Amino acid sequence: MKRIVLTATAALALLLGGCATTIRSDVTTFHQWPAQLQDKTYSFDAPPPQDDTLELRSYQNLVRAQLGKLGFQEAAATPALRVSMRFTTTDVPVRVVQAVDPFFSPSARFAYMGPYHRRGYWGGGLYSPFYDPFWGGLPRYEVVERHVYQRELQVGIRAAGDNRRLFDVTVHNNSGELSTPALMPALVQSAFEGFPGPNGGARRVELKQGNG
């Protein structure tokens, strides 16, 4: 029987660990990248008018920065390469069962995601340090709705002359963070980590993001 116990030491570690967040993304790449590419000039594909937003342009700047680190140069006239990008964010509501601590503030709760018994009690599936025979009674639980944001970033590079695809990368990230702009720098960096990366391979990329 698994029991989840949060000690004072663990709680302190979590608070101290709040200074940095690990952003985990699943990155899949497919490429036919030339061994010797002399001309590394590029330009972005023009998005459809309805997708040409200031948000998209700000993310293009992030891609520009990563390409610049790899020696690519943007060129308005006769570029050798064309770069495309798209992103989506999907809000997925999730029902969460969490214990209610009757002795401290309502925010001091332990969450558990999984099937919910209709009576609202768990038989040994979750341990709360506040459930103690000394106090008597059973722990109380409530169902709340949380949100998981599924994000996908796609970046493609192809030859401008014959439109041959050279590099495709897809980045997937699931997070409780509402703000896509807050995570996009890490997602773009993950897309170009180890460029061009394994052909046809999927890998987990973890990046640290400071929170102050």
N, C-alpha and C. Protein backbone atom coordinates (compact mmCIF):
# COMPACT_ATOMS: atom_id res chain seq x y z
N MET A 1 0.85 -1.19 0.00
CA MET A 1 0.00 0.00 0.00
C MET A 1 0.88 1.23 0.00
N LYS A 2 0.74 2.09 -0.96
CA LYS A 2 1.52 3.30 -1.03
C LYS A 2 0.94 4.36 -0.11
N ARG A 3 1.83 5.08 0.55
CA ARG A 3 1.39 6.15 1.40
C ARG A 3 2.19 7.40 1.06
N ILE A 4 1.49 8.51 0.94
CA ILE A 4 2.14 9.76 0.59
C ILE A 4 2.23 10.60 1.84
N VAL A 5 3.43 10.91 2.27
CA VAL A 5 3.63 11.68 3.49
C VAL A 5 4.50 12.88 3.14
N LEU A 6 4.06 14.06 3.53
CA LEU A 6 4.84 15.27 3.31
C LEU A 6 5.39 15.72 4.66
N THR A 7 6.71 15.57 4.83
CA THR A 7 7.33 15.97 6.08
C THR A 7 7.74 17.43 6.00
N ALA A 8 8.12 17.98 7.15
CA ALA A 8 8.55 19.37 7.18
C ALA A 8 9.79 19.58 6.32
N THR A 9 10.71 18.59 6.33
CA THR A 9 11.92 18.69 5.52
C THR A 9 11.59 18.70 4.04
N ALA A 10 10.67 17.82 3.62
CA ALA A 10 10.28 17.76 2.21
C ALA A 10 9.60 19.05 1.80
N ALA A 11 8.76 19.58 2.67
CA ALA A 11 8.07 20.83 2.34
C ALA A 11 9.05 21.96 2.15
N LEU A 12 10.09 22.02 3.01
CA LEU A 12 11.11 23.05 2.88
C LEU A 12 11.87 22.88 1.58
N ALA A 13 12.15 21.63 1.19
CA ALA A 13 12.87 21.39 -0.06
C ALA A 13 12.05 21.85 -1.25
N LEU A 14 10.73 21.64 -1.19
CA LEU A 14 9.88 22.08 -2.28
C LEU A 14 9.88 23.59 -2.39
N LEU A 15 9.85 24.27 -1.24
CA LEU A 15 9.85 25.73 -1.27
C LEU A 15 11.16 26.26 -1.83
N LEU A 16 12.27 25.68 -1.41
CA LEU A 16 13.56 26.12 -1.92
C LEU A 16 13.71 25.78 -3.39
N GLY A 17 13.14 24.66 -3.80
CA GLY A 17 13.22 24.26 -5.20
C GLY A 17 12.38 25.11 -6.10
N GLY A 18 11.53 25.98 -5.53
CA GLY A 18 10.68 26.83 -6.34
C GLY A 18 11.44 27.89 -7.09
N CYS A 19 12.75 28.04 -6.81
CA CYS A 19 13.54 29.03 -7.51
C CYS A 19 13.80 28.64 -8.95
N ALA A 20 13.63 27.39 -9.31
CA ALA A 20 13.86 26.95 -10.69
C ALA A 20 12.82 25.90 -11.05
N THR A 21 12.38 25.96 -12.28
CA THR A 21 11.39 25.03 -12.78
C THR A 21 12.01 24.21 -13.91
N THR A 22 11.78 22.91 -13.89
CA THR A 22 12.23 22.06 -14.97
C THR A 22 11.11 21.91 -15.99
N ILE A 23 11.38 22.31 -17.23
CA ILE A 23 10.40 22.20 -18.30
C ILE A 23 10.76 20.98 -19.14
N ARG A 24 9.87 20.01 -19.15
CA ARG A 24 10.12 18.75 -19.85
C ARG A 24 9.30 18.73 -21.12
N SER A 25 9.96 18.44 -22.23
CA SER A 25 9.28 18.38 -23.53
C SER A 25 9.68 17.11 -24.26
N ASP A 26 8.75 16.56 -25.00
CA ASP A 26 9.03 15.42 -25.87
C ASP A 26 9.28 15.95 -27.27
N VAL A 27 10.47 15.68 -27.79
CA VAL A 27 10.93 16.25 -29.06
C VAL A 27 11.13 15.13 -30.07
N THR A 28 10.50 15.27 -31.22
CA THR A 28 10.64 14.28 -32.30
C THR A 28 11.18 14.99 -33.54
N THR A 29 12.26 14.46 -34.11
CA THR A 29 12.86 15.08 -35.29
C THR A 29 12.94 14.08 -36.44
N PHE A 30 12.74 14.61 -37.63
CA PHE A 30 12.98 13.88 -38.88
C PHE A 30 13.79 14.82 -39.77
N HIS A 31 14.87 14.31 -40.33
CA HIS A 31 15.67 15.22 -41.17
C HIS A 31 16.45 14.44 -42.22
N GLN A 32 16.78 15.15 -43.27
CA GLN A 32 17.73 14.72 -44.29
C GLN A 32 18.70 15.88 -44.48
N TRP A 33 19.42 16.15 -43.42
CA TRP A 33 20.26 17.34 -43.40
C TRP A 33 21.56 17.08 -44.16
N PRO A 34 21.91 17.96 -45.09
CA PRO A 34 23.14 17.77 -45.87
C PRO A 34 24.38 17.82 -44.99
N ALA A 35 25.34 16.98 -45.30
CA ALA A 35 26.58 16.97 -44.52
C ALA A 35 27.32 18.29 -44.67
N GLN A 36 27.30 18.86 -45.85
CA GLN A 36 27.94 20.16 -46.09
C GLN A 36 26.91 21.10 -46.70
N LEU A 37 26.53 22.11 -45.93
CA LEU A 37 25.56 23.09 -46.40
C LEU A 37 26.26 24.44 -46.39
N GLN A 38 26.63 24.91 -47.58
CA GLN A 38 27.39 26.14 -47.69
C GLN A 38 26.53 27.37 -47.44
N ASP A 39 25.37 27.41 -48.07
CA ASP A 39 24.49 28.59 -47.98
C ASP A 39 23.46 28.35 -46.88
N LYS A 40 23.55 29.08 -45.79
CA LYS A 40 22.64 28.91 -44.67
C LYS A 40 21.74 30.13 -44.49
N THR A 41 21.42 30.78 -45.61
CA THR A 41 20.47 31.89 -45.56
C THR A 41 19.05 31.34 -45.59
N TYR A 42 18.13 32.05 -44.96
CA TYR A 42 16.76 31.56 -44.87
C TYR A 42 15.79 32.74 -44.80
N SER A 43 14.52 32.43 -44.99
CA SER A 43 13.43 33.37 -44.73
C SER A 43 12.24 32.57 -44.23
N PHE A 44 11.37 33.23 -43.49
CA PHE A 44 10.18 32.58 -42.96
C PHE A 44 9.08 32.54 -44.01
N ASP A 45 8.33 31.44 -44.00
CA ASP A 45 7.12 31.39 -44.81
C ASP A 45 6.11 32.41 -44.27
N ALA A 46 5.39 33.03 -45.17
CA ALA A 46 4.34 33.95 -44.75
C ALA A 46 3.14 33.15 -44.26
N PRO A 47 2.69 33.37 -43.03
CA PRO A 47 1.54 32.61 -42.52
C PRO A 47 0.25 33.11 -43.15
N PRO A 48 -0.82 32.32 -43.07
CA PRO A 48 -2.13 32.81 -43.52
C PRO A 48 -2.49 34.08 -42.75
N PRO A 49 -3.23 34.99 -43.39
CA PRO A 49 -3.55 36.27 -42.73
C PRO A 49 -4.15 36.12 -41.34
N GLN A 50 -5.01 35.10 -41.16
CA GLN A 50 -5.65 34.94 -39.85
C GLN A 50 -4.68 34.46 -38.78
N ASP A 51 -3.54 33.89 -39.20
CA ASP A 51 -2.55 33.41 -38.24
C ASP A 51 -1.39 34.38 -38.04
N ASP A 52 -1.38 35.45 -38.81
CA ASP A 52 -0.27 36.41 -38.74
C ASP A 52 -0.51 37.37 -37.57
N THR A 53 -0.22 36.89 -36.37
CA THR A 53 -0.48 37.66 -35.16
C THR A 53 0.84 38.15 -34.56
N LEU A 54 0.73 39.09 -33.65
CA LEU A 54 1.92 39.57 -32.95
C LEU A 54 2.53 38.47 -32.10
N GLU A 55 1.67 37.57 -31.59
CA GLU A 55 2.18 36.45 -30.81
C GLU A 55 3.06 35.56 -31.68
N LEU A 56 2.59 35.23 -32.88
CA LEU A 56 3.39 34.39 -33.77
C LEU A 56 4.71 35.08 -34.11
N ARG A 57 4.67 36.36 -34.37
CA ARG A 57 5.90 37.06 -34.73
C ARG A 57 6.90 37.07 -33.58
N SER A 58 6.39 37.14 -32.36
CA SER A 58 7.30 37.10 -31.21
C SER A 58 7.97 35.73 -31.10
N TYR A 59 7.23 34.67 -31.44
CA TYR A 59 7.83 33.33 -31.40
C TYR A 59 8.80 33.12 -32.56
N GLN A 60 8.54 33.79 -33.69
CA GLN A 60 9.51 33.74 -34.79
C GLN A 60 10.84 34.36 -34.36
N ASN A 61 10.77 35.38 -33.53
CA ASN A 61 12.00 35.97 -33.02
C ASN A 61 12.80 34.98 -32.19
N LEU A 62 12.10 34.12 -31.44
CA LEU A 62 12.79 33.09 -30.67
C LEU A 62 13.48 32.09 -31.60
N VAL A 63 12.79 31.73 -32.69
CA VAL A 63 13.39 30.82 -33.67
C VAL A 63 14.58 31.49 -34.34
N ARG A 64 14.46 32.77 -34.65
CA ARG A 64 15.59 33.51 -35.24
C ARG A 64 16.83 33.43 -34.35
N ALA A 65 16.59 33.61 -33.06
CA ALA A 65 17.73 33.58 -32.13
C ALA A 65 18.41 32.22 -32.13
N GLN A 66 17.62 31.14 -32.13
CA GLN A 66 18.20 29.80 -32.15
C GLN A 66 18.93 29.53 -33.46
N LEU A 67 18.33 29.94 -34.58
CA LEU A 67 18.99 29.74 -35.88
C LEU A 67 20.29 30.54 -35.96
N GLY A 68 20.29 31.74 -35.38
CA GLY A 68 21.49 32.55 -35.39
C GLY A 68 22.62 31.87 -34.64
N LYS A 69 22.31 31.21 -33.53
CA LYS A 69 23.33 30.49 -32.78
C LYS A 69 23.93 29.34 -33.59
N LEU A 70 23.15 28.83 -34.54
CA LEU A 70 23.61 27.71 -35.37
C LEU A 70 24.25 28.17 -36.67
N GLY A 71 24.43 29.49 -36.82
CA GLY A 71 25.11 30.01 -38.00
C GLY A 71 24.22 30.34 -39.18
N PHE A 72 22.90 30.32 -39.00
CA PHE A 72 21.99 30.68 -40.09
C PHE A 72 21.83 32.20 -40.13
N GLN A 73 21.54 32.72 -41.32
CA GLN A 73 21.35 34.14 -41.51
C GLN A 73 20.06 34.39 -42.28
N GLU A 74 19.25 35.30 -41.77
CA GLU A 74 18.00 35.62 -42.46
C GLU A 74 18.30 36.52 -43.66
N ALA A 75 17.66 36.22 -44.77
CA ALA A 75 17.86 36.99 -46.01
C ALA A 75 16.51 37.21 -46.67
N ALA A 76 16.22 38.45 -47.00
CA ALA A 76 14.94 38.77 -47.63
C ALA A 76 14.92 38.35 -49.10
N ALA A 77 16.07 38.43 -49.76
CA ALA A 77 16.13 38.12 -51.19
C ALA A 77 16.87 36.82 -51.43
N THR A 78 16.27 35.96 -52.27
CA THR A 78 16.84 34.68 -52.71
C THR A 78 17.49 33.88 -51.59
N PRO A 79 16.76 33.54 -50.54
CA PRO A 79 17.33 32.69 -49.49
C PRO A 79 17.46 31.25 -49.98
N ALA A 80 18.37 30.53 -49.40
CA ALA A 80 18.56 29.13 -49.77
C ALA A 80 17.55 28.23 -49.07
N LEU A 81 17.02 28.68 -47.94
CA LEU A 81 16.14 27.86 -47.12
C LEU A 81 14.86 28.61 -46.79
N ARG A 82 13.81 27.83 -46.57
CA ARG A 82 12.53 28.38 -46.11
C ARG A 82 12.20 27.75 -44.76
N VAL A 83 11.76 28.58 -43.82
CA VAL A 83 11.45 28.12 -42.46
C VAL A 83 9.96 28.32 -42.19
N SER A 84 9.32 27.29 -41.71
CA SER A 84 7.91 27.38 -41.33
C SER A 84 7.77 27.05 -39.85
N MET A 85 6.73 27.58 -39.22
CA MET A 85 6.47 27.24 -37.83
C MET A 85 4.99 27.40 -37.52
N ARG A 86 4.53 26.59 -36.59
CA ARG A 86 3.16 26.69 -36.11
C ARG A 86 3.14 26.20 -34.66
N PHE A 87 2.13 26.64 -33.93
CA PHE A 87 2.00 26.21 -32.54
C PHE A 87 0.52 26.14 -32.18
N THR A 88 0.21 25.28 -31.24
CA THR A 88 -1.15 25.17 -30.73
C THR A 88 -1.09 25.00 -29.21
N THR A 89 -2.14 25.47 -28.54
CA THR A 89 -2.31 25.28 -27.11
C THR A 89 -3.72 24.78 -26.86
N THR A 90 -3.85 23.64 -26.20
CA THR A 90 -5.16 23.05 -25.93
C THR A 90 -5.36 22.94 -24.43
N ASP A 91 -6.47 23.48 -23.96
CA ASP A 91 -6.83 23.42 -22.55
C ASP A 91 -7.60 22.13 -22.29
N VAL A 92 -7.05 21.27 -21.42
CA VAL A 92 -7.68 19.99 -21.10
C VAL A 92 -8.08 19.99 -19.63
N PRO A 93 -9.37 20.19 -19.32
CA PRO A 93 -9.79 20.15 -17.91
C PRO A 93 -9.65 18.74 -17.33
N VAL A 94 -9.21 18.67 -16.09
CA VAL A 94 -9.00 17.40 -15.40
C VAL A 94 -9.63 17.49 -14.02
N ARG A 95 -10.43 16.48 -13.67
CA ARG A 95 -10.99 16.43 -12.32
C ARG A 95 -9.97 15.82 -11.37
N VAL A 96 -9.77 16.49 -10.24
CA VAL A 96 -8.77 16.09 -9.27
C VAL A 96 -9.44 15.88 -7.92
N VAL A 97 -9.11 14.76 -7.27
CA VAL A 97 -9.58 14.49 -5.92
C VAL A 97 -8.49 14.91 -4.95
N GLN A 98 -8.81 15.78 -4.01
CA GLN A 98 -7.81 16.23 -3.06
C GLN A 98 -8.36 16.21 -1.64
N ALA A 99 -7.45 15.94 -0.70
CA ALA A 99 -7.82 15.89 0.71
C ALA A 99 -7.98 17.30 1.25
N VAL A 100 -8.94 17.47 2.13
CA VAL A 100 -9.17 18.76 2.78
C VAL A 100 -8.62 18.68 4.19
N ASP A 101 -7.71 19.54 4.50
CA ASP A 101 -7.10 19.58 5.83
C ASP A 101 -8.00 20.39 6.76
N PRO A 102 -8.57 19.78 7.78
CA PRO A 102 -9.49 20.52 8.64
C PRO A 102 -8.81 21.39 9.67
N PHE A 103 -7.46 21.28 9.82
CA PHE A 103 -6.79 21.99 10.89
C PHE A 103 -6.01 23.20 10.43
N PHE A 104 -5.70 23.24 9.12
CA PHE A 104 -4.92 24.36 8.62
C PHE A 104 -5.70 25.06 7.52
N SER A 105 -5.01 25.92 6.79
CA SER A 105 -5.70 26.71 5.76
C SER A 105 -6.20 25.80 4.65
N PRO A 106 -7.24 26.20 3.95
CA PRO A 106 -7.78 25.36 2.86
C PRO A 106 -6.77 25.08 1.76
N SER A 107 -5.73 25.92 1.67
CA SER A 107 -4.75 25.71 0.60
C SER A 107 -3.78 24.59 0.91
N ALA A 108 -3.70 24.16 2.16
CA ALA A 108 -2.77 23.08 2.52
C ALA A 108 -3.46 21.76 2.30
N ARG A 109 -3.38 21.26 1.05
CA ARG A 109 -4.10 20.05 0.66
C ARG A 109 -3.18 19.14 -0.13
N PHE A 110 -3.57 17.89 -0.16
CA PHE A 110 -2.82 16.91 -0.92
C PHE A 110 -3.71 16.44 -2.07
N ALA A 111 -3.16 16.49 -3.28
CA ALA A 111 -3.96 16.17 -4.47
C ALA A 111 -3.66 14.77 -4.96
N TYR A 112 -4.68 14.16 -5.51
CA TYR A 112 -4.55 12.83 -6.10
C TYR A 112 -5.40 12.79 -7.34
N MET A 113 -4.81 12.40 -8.48
CA MET A 113 -5.55 12.32 -9.73
C MET A 113 -5.87 10.87 -10.02
N GLY A 114 -7.14 10.57 -10.18
CA GLY A 114 -7.51 9.20 -10.46
C GLY A 114 -8.98 9.00 -10.29
N PRO A 115 -9.45 7.74 -10.32
CA PRO A 115 -10.88 7.47 -10.18
C PRO A 115 -11.39 7.97 -8.84
N TYR A 116 -12.58 8.46 -8.83
CA TYR A 116 -13.16 9.04 -7.64
C TYR A 116 -14.29 8.17 -7.14
N HIS A 117 -14.18 7.72 -5.88
CA HIS A 117 -15.23 6.92 -5.29
C HIS A 117 -16.43 7.83 -5.00
N ARG A 118 -17.62 7.36 -5.31
CA ARG A 118 -18.78 8.24 -5.22
C ARG A 118 -19.07 8.71 -3.79
N ARG A 119 -18.59 7.96 -2.78
CA ARG A 119 -18.80 8.39 -1.41
C ARG A 119 -17.80 9.48 -1.00
N GLY A 120 -16.75 9.63 -1.81
CA GLY A 120 -15.79 10.67 -1.51
C GLY A 120 -14.66 10.25 -0.60
N TYR A 121 -14.50 8.93 -0.35
CA TYR A 121 -13.43 8.46 0.52
C TYR A 121 -12.56 7.48 -0.25
N TRP A 122 -11.30 7.42 0.15
CA TRP A 122 -10.36 6.48 -0.45
C TRP A 122 -9.99 5.44 0.59
N GLY A 123 -10.02 4.19 0.17
CA GLY A 123 -9.65 3.11 1.09
C GLY A 123 -8.19 2.78 1.00
N GLY A 124 -7.36 3.57 1.63
CA GLY A 124 -5.93 3.29 1.67
C GLY A 124 -5.18 3.75 0.45
N GLY A 125 -5.86 4.39 -0.52
CA GLY A 125 -5.15 4.83 -1.71
C GLY A 125 -4.37 6.11 -1.49
N LEU A 126 -4.71 6.87 -0.46
CA LEU A 126 -4.03 8.13 -0.21
C LEU A 126 -3.89 8.31 1.29
N TYR A 127 -2.71 8.65 1.75
CA TYR A 127 -2.48 8.84 3.17
C TYR A 127 -2.30 10.32 3.45
N SER A 128 -2.99 10.83 4.42
CA SER A 128 -2.81 12.20 4.86
C SER A 128 -2.26 12.18 6.27
N PRO A 129 -1.21 12.97 6.52
CA PRO A 129 -0.68 13.00 7.89
C PRO A 129 -1.68 13.56 8.88
N PHE A 130 -2.74 14.21 8.38
CA PHE A 130 -3.75 14.76 9.27
C PHE A 130 -4.78 13.70 9.67
N TYR A 131 -4.72 12.53 8.98
CA TYR A 131 -5.61 11.44 9.38
C TYR A 131 -4.85 10.61 10.41
N ASP A 132 -5.22 10.76 11.63
CA ASP A 132 -4.53 10.08 12.73
C ASP A 132 -5.59 9.54 13.68
N PRO A 133 -5.46 8.27 14.10
CA PRO A 133 -6.44 7.73 15.04
C PRO A 133 -6.59 8.56 16.30
N PHE A 134 -5.52 9.33 16.63
CA PHE A 134 -5.59 10.17 17.82
C PHE A 134 -6.69 11.22 17.68
N TRP A 135 -6.83 11.73 16.45
CA TRP A 135 -7.85 12.74 16.19
C TRP A 135 -9.20 12.10 15.92
N GLY A 136 -9.18 10.89 15.40
CA GLY A 136 -10.42 10.20 15.12
C GLY A 136 -11.04 10.66 13.81
N GLY A 137 -11.96 9.85 13.29
CA GLY A 137 -12.66 10.22 12.07
C GLY A 137 -11.88 9.85 10.83
N LEU A 138 -12.47 10.14 9.67
CA LEU A 138 -11.87 9.85 8.38
C LEU A 138 -11.52 11.16 7.67
N PRO A 139 -10.50 11.12 6.80
CA PRO A 139 -10.18 12.33 6.05
C PRO A 139 -11.31 12.67 5.08
N ARG A 140 -11.45 13.95 4.79
CA ARG A 140 -12.45 14.40 3.84
C ARG A 140 -11.78 14.76 2.53
N TYR A 141 -12.50 14.53 1.44
CA TYR A 141 -11.97 14.82 0.12
C TYR A 141 -13.00 15.62 -0.66
N GLU A 142 -12.48 16.36 -1.64
CA GLU A 142 -13.35 17.10 -2.53
C GLU A 142 -12.83 16.98 -3.95
N VAL A 143 -13.70 17.19 -4.91
CA VAL A 143 -13.32 17.14 -6.32
C VAL A 143 -13.22 18.57 -6.84
N VAL A 144 -12.07 18.90 -7.41
CA VAL A 144 -11.87 20.22 -8.00
C VAL A 144 -11.44 20.03 -9.46
N GLU A 145 -11.59 21.06 -10.23
CA GLU A 145 -11.20 21.00 -11.64
C GLU A 145 -9.90 21.75 -11.83
N ARG A 146 -8.92 21.05 -12.36
CA ARG A 146 -7.64 21.66 -12.72
C ARG A 146 -7.55 21.69 -14.24
N HIS A 147 -6.55 22.41 -14.73
CA HIS A 147 -6.38 22.53 -16.17
C HIS A 147 -4.96 22.12 -16.55
N VAL A 148 -4.87 21.24 -17.53
CA VAL A 148 -3.60 20.85 -18.12
C VAL A 148 -3.56 21.43 -19.52
N TYR A 149 -2.48 22.13 -19.83
CA TYR A 149 -2.36 22.79 -21.13
C TYR A 149 -1.39 21.98 -21.99
N GLN A 150 -1.93 21.44 -23.07
CA GLN A 150 -1.12 20.66 -24.01
C GLN A 150 -0.65 21.58 -25.13
N ARG A 151 0.66 21.68 -25.26
CA ARG A 151 1.24 22.58 -26.26
C ARG A 151 2.02 21.79 -27.30
N GLU A 152 1.93 22.25 -28.53
CA GLU A 152 2.68 21.62 -29.62
C GLU A 152 3.31 22.72 -30.46
N LEU A 153 4.60 22.57 -30.72
CA LEU A 153 5.36 23.48 -31.58
C LEU A 153 5.95 22.67 -32.72
N GLN A 154 5.77 23.17 -33.94
CA GLN A 154 6.34 22.52 -35.12
C GLN A 154 7.19 23.54 -35.88
N VAL A 155 8.40 23.13 -36.22
CA VAL A 155 9.29 23.96 -37.02
C VAL A 155 9.82 23.10 -38.17
N GLY A 156 9.79 23.65 -39.38
CA GLY A 156 10.28 22.93 -40.55
C GLY A 156 11.24 23.78 -41.34
N ILE A 157 12.24 23.14 -41.93
CA ILE A 157 13.19 23.82 -42.81
C ILE A 157 13.25 23.02 -44.11
N ARG A 158 13.13 23.71 -45.22
CA ARG A 158 13.18 23.04 -46.52
C ARG A 158 14.01 23.87 -47.50
N ALA A 159 14.48 23.22 -48.54
CA ALA A 159 15.26 23.92 -49.56
C ALA A 159 14.34 24.83 -50.37
N ALA A 160 14.74 26.06 -50.56
CA ALA A 160 13.90 27.02 -51.28
C ALA A 160 13.81 26.68 -52.77
N GLY A 161 14.87 26.09 -53.31
CA GLY A 161 14.88 25.84 -54.74
C GLY A 161 13.90 24.77 -55.19
N ASP A 162 14.00 23.58 -54.62
CA ASP A 162 13.14 22.46 -55.04
C ASP A 162 12.10 22.09 -53.98
N ASN A 163 12.00 22.87 -52.92
CA ASN A 163 11.01 22.65 -51.87
C ASN A 163 11.22 21.33 -51.12
N ARG A 164 12.44 20.79 -51.18
CA ARG A 164 12.73 19.52 -50.51
C ARG A 164 12.83 19.74 -49.00
N ARG A 165 12.15 18.89 -48.26
CA ARG A 165 12.17 19.02 -46.81
C ARG A 165 13.50 18.52 -46.26
N LEU A 166 14.11 19.34 -45.38
CA LEU A 166 15.39 18.99 -44.80
C LEU A 166 15.31 18.69 -43.31
N PHE A 167 14.36 19.34 -42.64
CA PHE A 167 14.30 19.21 -41.19
C PHE A 167 12.89 19.49 -40.70
N ASP A 168 12.35 18.56 -39.90
CA ASP A 168 11.05 18.74 -39.26
C ASP A 168 11.20 18.36 -37.79
N VAL A 169 10.72 19.22 -36.92
CA VAL A 169 10.77 18.93 -35.50
C VAL A 169 9.42 19.26 -34.88
N THR A 170 8.98 18.40 -33.97
CA THR A 170 7.74 18.61 -33.23
C THR A 170 8.04 18.51 -31.74
N VAL A 171 7.59 19.52 -31.00
CA VAL A 171 7.80 19.57 -29.56
C VAL A 171 6.45 19.50 -28.87
N HIS A 172 6.31 18.54 -27.94
CA HIS A 172 5.10 18.41 -27.14
C HIS A 172 5.42 18.71 -25.68
N ASN A 173 4.52 19.46 -25.05
CA ASN A 173 4.69 19.79 -23.64
C ASN A 173 3.33 19.85 -22.97
N ASN A 174 3.22 19.18 -21.82
CA ASN A 174 2.01 19.26 -20.98
C ASN A 174 2.36 19.99 -19.70
N SER A 175 1.57 20.98 -19.35
CA SER A 175 1.91 21.80 -18.20
C SER A 175 0.66 22.41 -17.59
N GLY A 176 0.75 22.73 -16.32
CA GLY A 176 -0.32 23.46 -15.66
C GLY A 176 -0.16 24.96 -15.81
N GLU A 177 0.91 25.39 -16.49
CA GLU A 177 1.17 26.80 -16.71
C GLU A 177 0.20 27.36 -17.76
N LEU A 178 -0.53 28.40 -17.38
CA LEU A 178 -1.51 28.99 -18.30
C LEU A 178 -0.86 29.76 -19.43
N SER A 179 0.26 30.41 -19.16
CA SER A 179 0.86 31.33 -20.12
C SER A 179 1.74 30.60 -21.12
N THR A 180 1.33 30.58 -22.38
CA THR A 180 2.18 30.02 -23.44
C THR A 180 3.44 30.84 -23.65
N PRO A 181 3.37 32.19 -23.64
CA PRO A 181 4.61 32.96 -23.81
C PRO A 181 5.66 32.66 -22.74
N ALA A 182 5.23 32.27 -21.54
CA ALA A 182 6.20 31.96 -20.49
C ALA A 182 6.99 30.71 -20.80
N LEU A 183 6.39 29.76 -21.53
CA LEU A 183 7.05 28.48 -21.82
C LEU A 183 7.68 28.42 -23.20
N MET A 184 7.24 29.27 -24.12
CA MET A 184 7.69 29.14 -25.50
C MET A 184 9.21 29.26 -25.67
N PRO A 185 9.91 30.12 -24.93
CA PRO A 185 11.38 30.13 -25.09
C PRO A 185 12.01 28.76 -24.86
N ALA A 186 11.52 28.03 -23.85
CA ALA A 186 12.07 26.70 -23.58
C ALA A 186 11.67 25.71 -24.66
N LEU A 187 10.45 25.83 -25.19
CA LEU A 187 10.02 24.90 -26.23
C LEU A 187 10.83 25.11 -27.51
N VAL A 188 11.09 26.36 -27.87
CA VAL A 188 11.89 26.64 -29.06
C VAL A 188 13.32 26.15 -28.86
N GLN A 189 13.88 26.38 -27.69
CA GLN A 189 15.23 25.89 -27.42
C GLN A 189 15.29 24.37 -27.49
N SER A 190 14.24 23.72 -26.99
CA SER A 190 14.20 22.26 -27.05
C SER A 190 14.16 21.76 -28.49
N ALA A 191 13.48 22.52 -29.36
CA ALA A 191 13.36 22.11 -30.77
C ALA A 191 14.73 22.04 -31.45
N PHE A 192 15.67 22.89 -31.04
CA PHE A 192 16.97 22.95 -31.70
C PHE A 192 18.08 22.36 -30.85
N GLU A 193 17.72 21.72 -29.75
CA GLU A 193 18.73 21.11 -28.88
C GLU A 193 19.42 19.96 -29.62
N GLY A 194 20.76 20.06 -29.76
CA GLY A 194 21.51 19.02 -30.45
C GLY A 194 21.23 18.97 -31.94
N PHE A 195 20.88 20.10 -32.55
CA PHE A 195 20.52 20.17 -33.97
C PHE A 195 21.53 19.45 -34.86
N PRO A 196 21.11 18.67 -35.86
CA PRO A 196 19.70 18.42 -36.21
C PRO A 196 19.04 17.29 -35.42
N GLY A 197 19.79 16.67 -34.52
CA GLY A 197 19.21 15.63 -33.69
C GLY A 197 19.09 14.30 -34.40
N PRO A 198 18.61 13.28 -33.70
CA PRO A 198 18.46 11.95 -34.30
C PRO A 198 17.36 11.95 -35.36
N ASN A 199 17.60 11.28 -36.46
CA ASN A 199 16.60 11.21 -37.52
C ASN A 199 15.55 10.16 -37.17
N GLY A 200 14.31 10.60 -37.06
CA GLY A 200 13.23 9.68 -36.73
C GLY A 200 13.19 9.30 -35.27
N GLY A 201 13.90 10.04 -34.43
CA GLY A 201 13.97 9.70 -33.02
C GLY A 201 13.19 10.66 -32.15
N ALA A 202 12.64 10.12 -31.09
CA ALA A 202 11.95 10.93 -30.08
C ALA A 202 12.79 10.91 -28.80
N ARG A 203 12.86 12.04 -28.13
CA ARG A 203 13.66 12.13 -26.92
C ARG A 203 13.02 13.13 -25.96
N ARG A 204 13.36 13.00 -24.71
CA ARG A 204 12.90 13.93 -23.69
C ARG A 204 13.99 14.97 -23.44
N VAL A 205 13.59 16.23 -23.55
CA VAL A 205 14.51 17.33 -23.32
C VAL A 205 14.05 18.06 -22.06
N GLU A 206 14.96 18.25 -21.12
CA GLU A 206 14.65 18.94 -19.87
C GLU A 206 15.50 20.21 -19.77
N LEU A 207 14.84 21.32 -19.54
CA LEU A 207 15.51 22.60 -19.41
C LEU A 207 15.11 23.26 -18.10
N LYS A 208 16.06 23.93 -17.48
CA LYS A 208 15.79 24.65 -16.25
C LYS A 208 15.38 26.07 -16.58
N GLN A 209 14.33 26.51 -15.91
CA GLN A 209 13.86 27.88 -16.08
C GLN A 209 13.80 28.53 -14.71
N GLY A 210 14.56 29.59 -14.52
CA GLY A 210 14.60 30.26 -13.23
C GLY A 210 13.33 31.03 -12.96
N ASN A 211 12.92 31.04 -11.68
CA ASN A 211 11.74 31.79 -11.26
C ASN A 211 12.10 32.94 -10.33
N GLY A 212 13.34 33.29 -10.33
CA GLY A 212 13.74 34.40 -9.49
C GLY A 212 14.52 33.95 -8.28
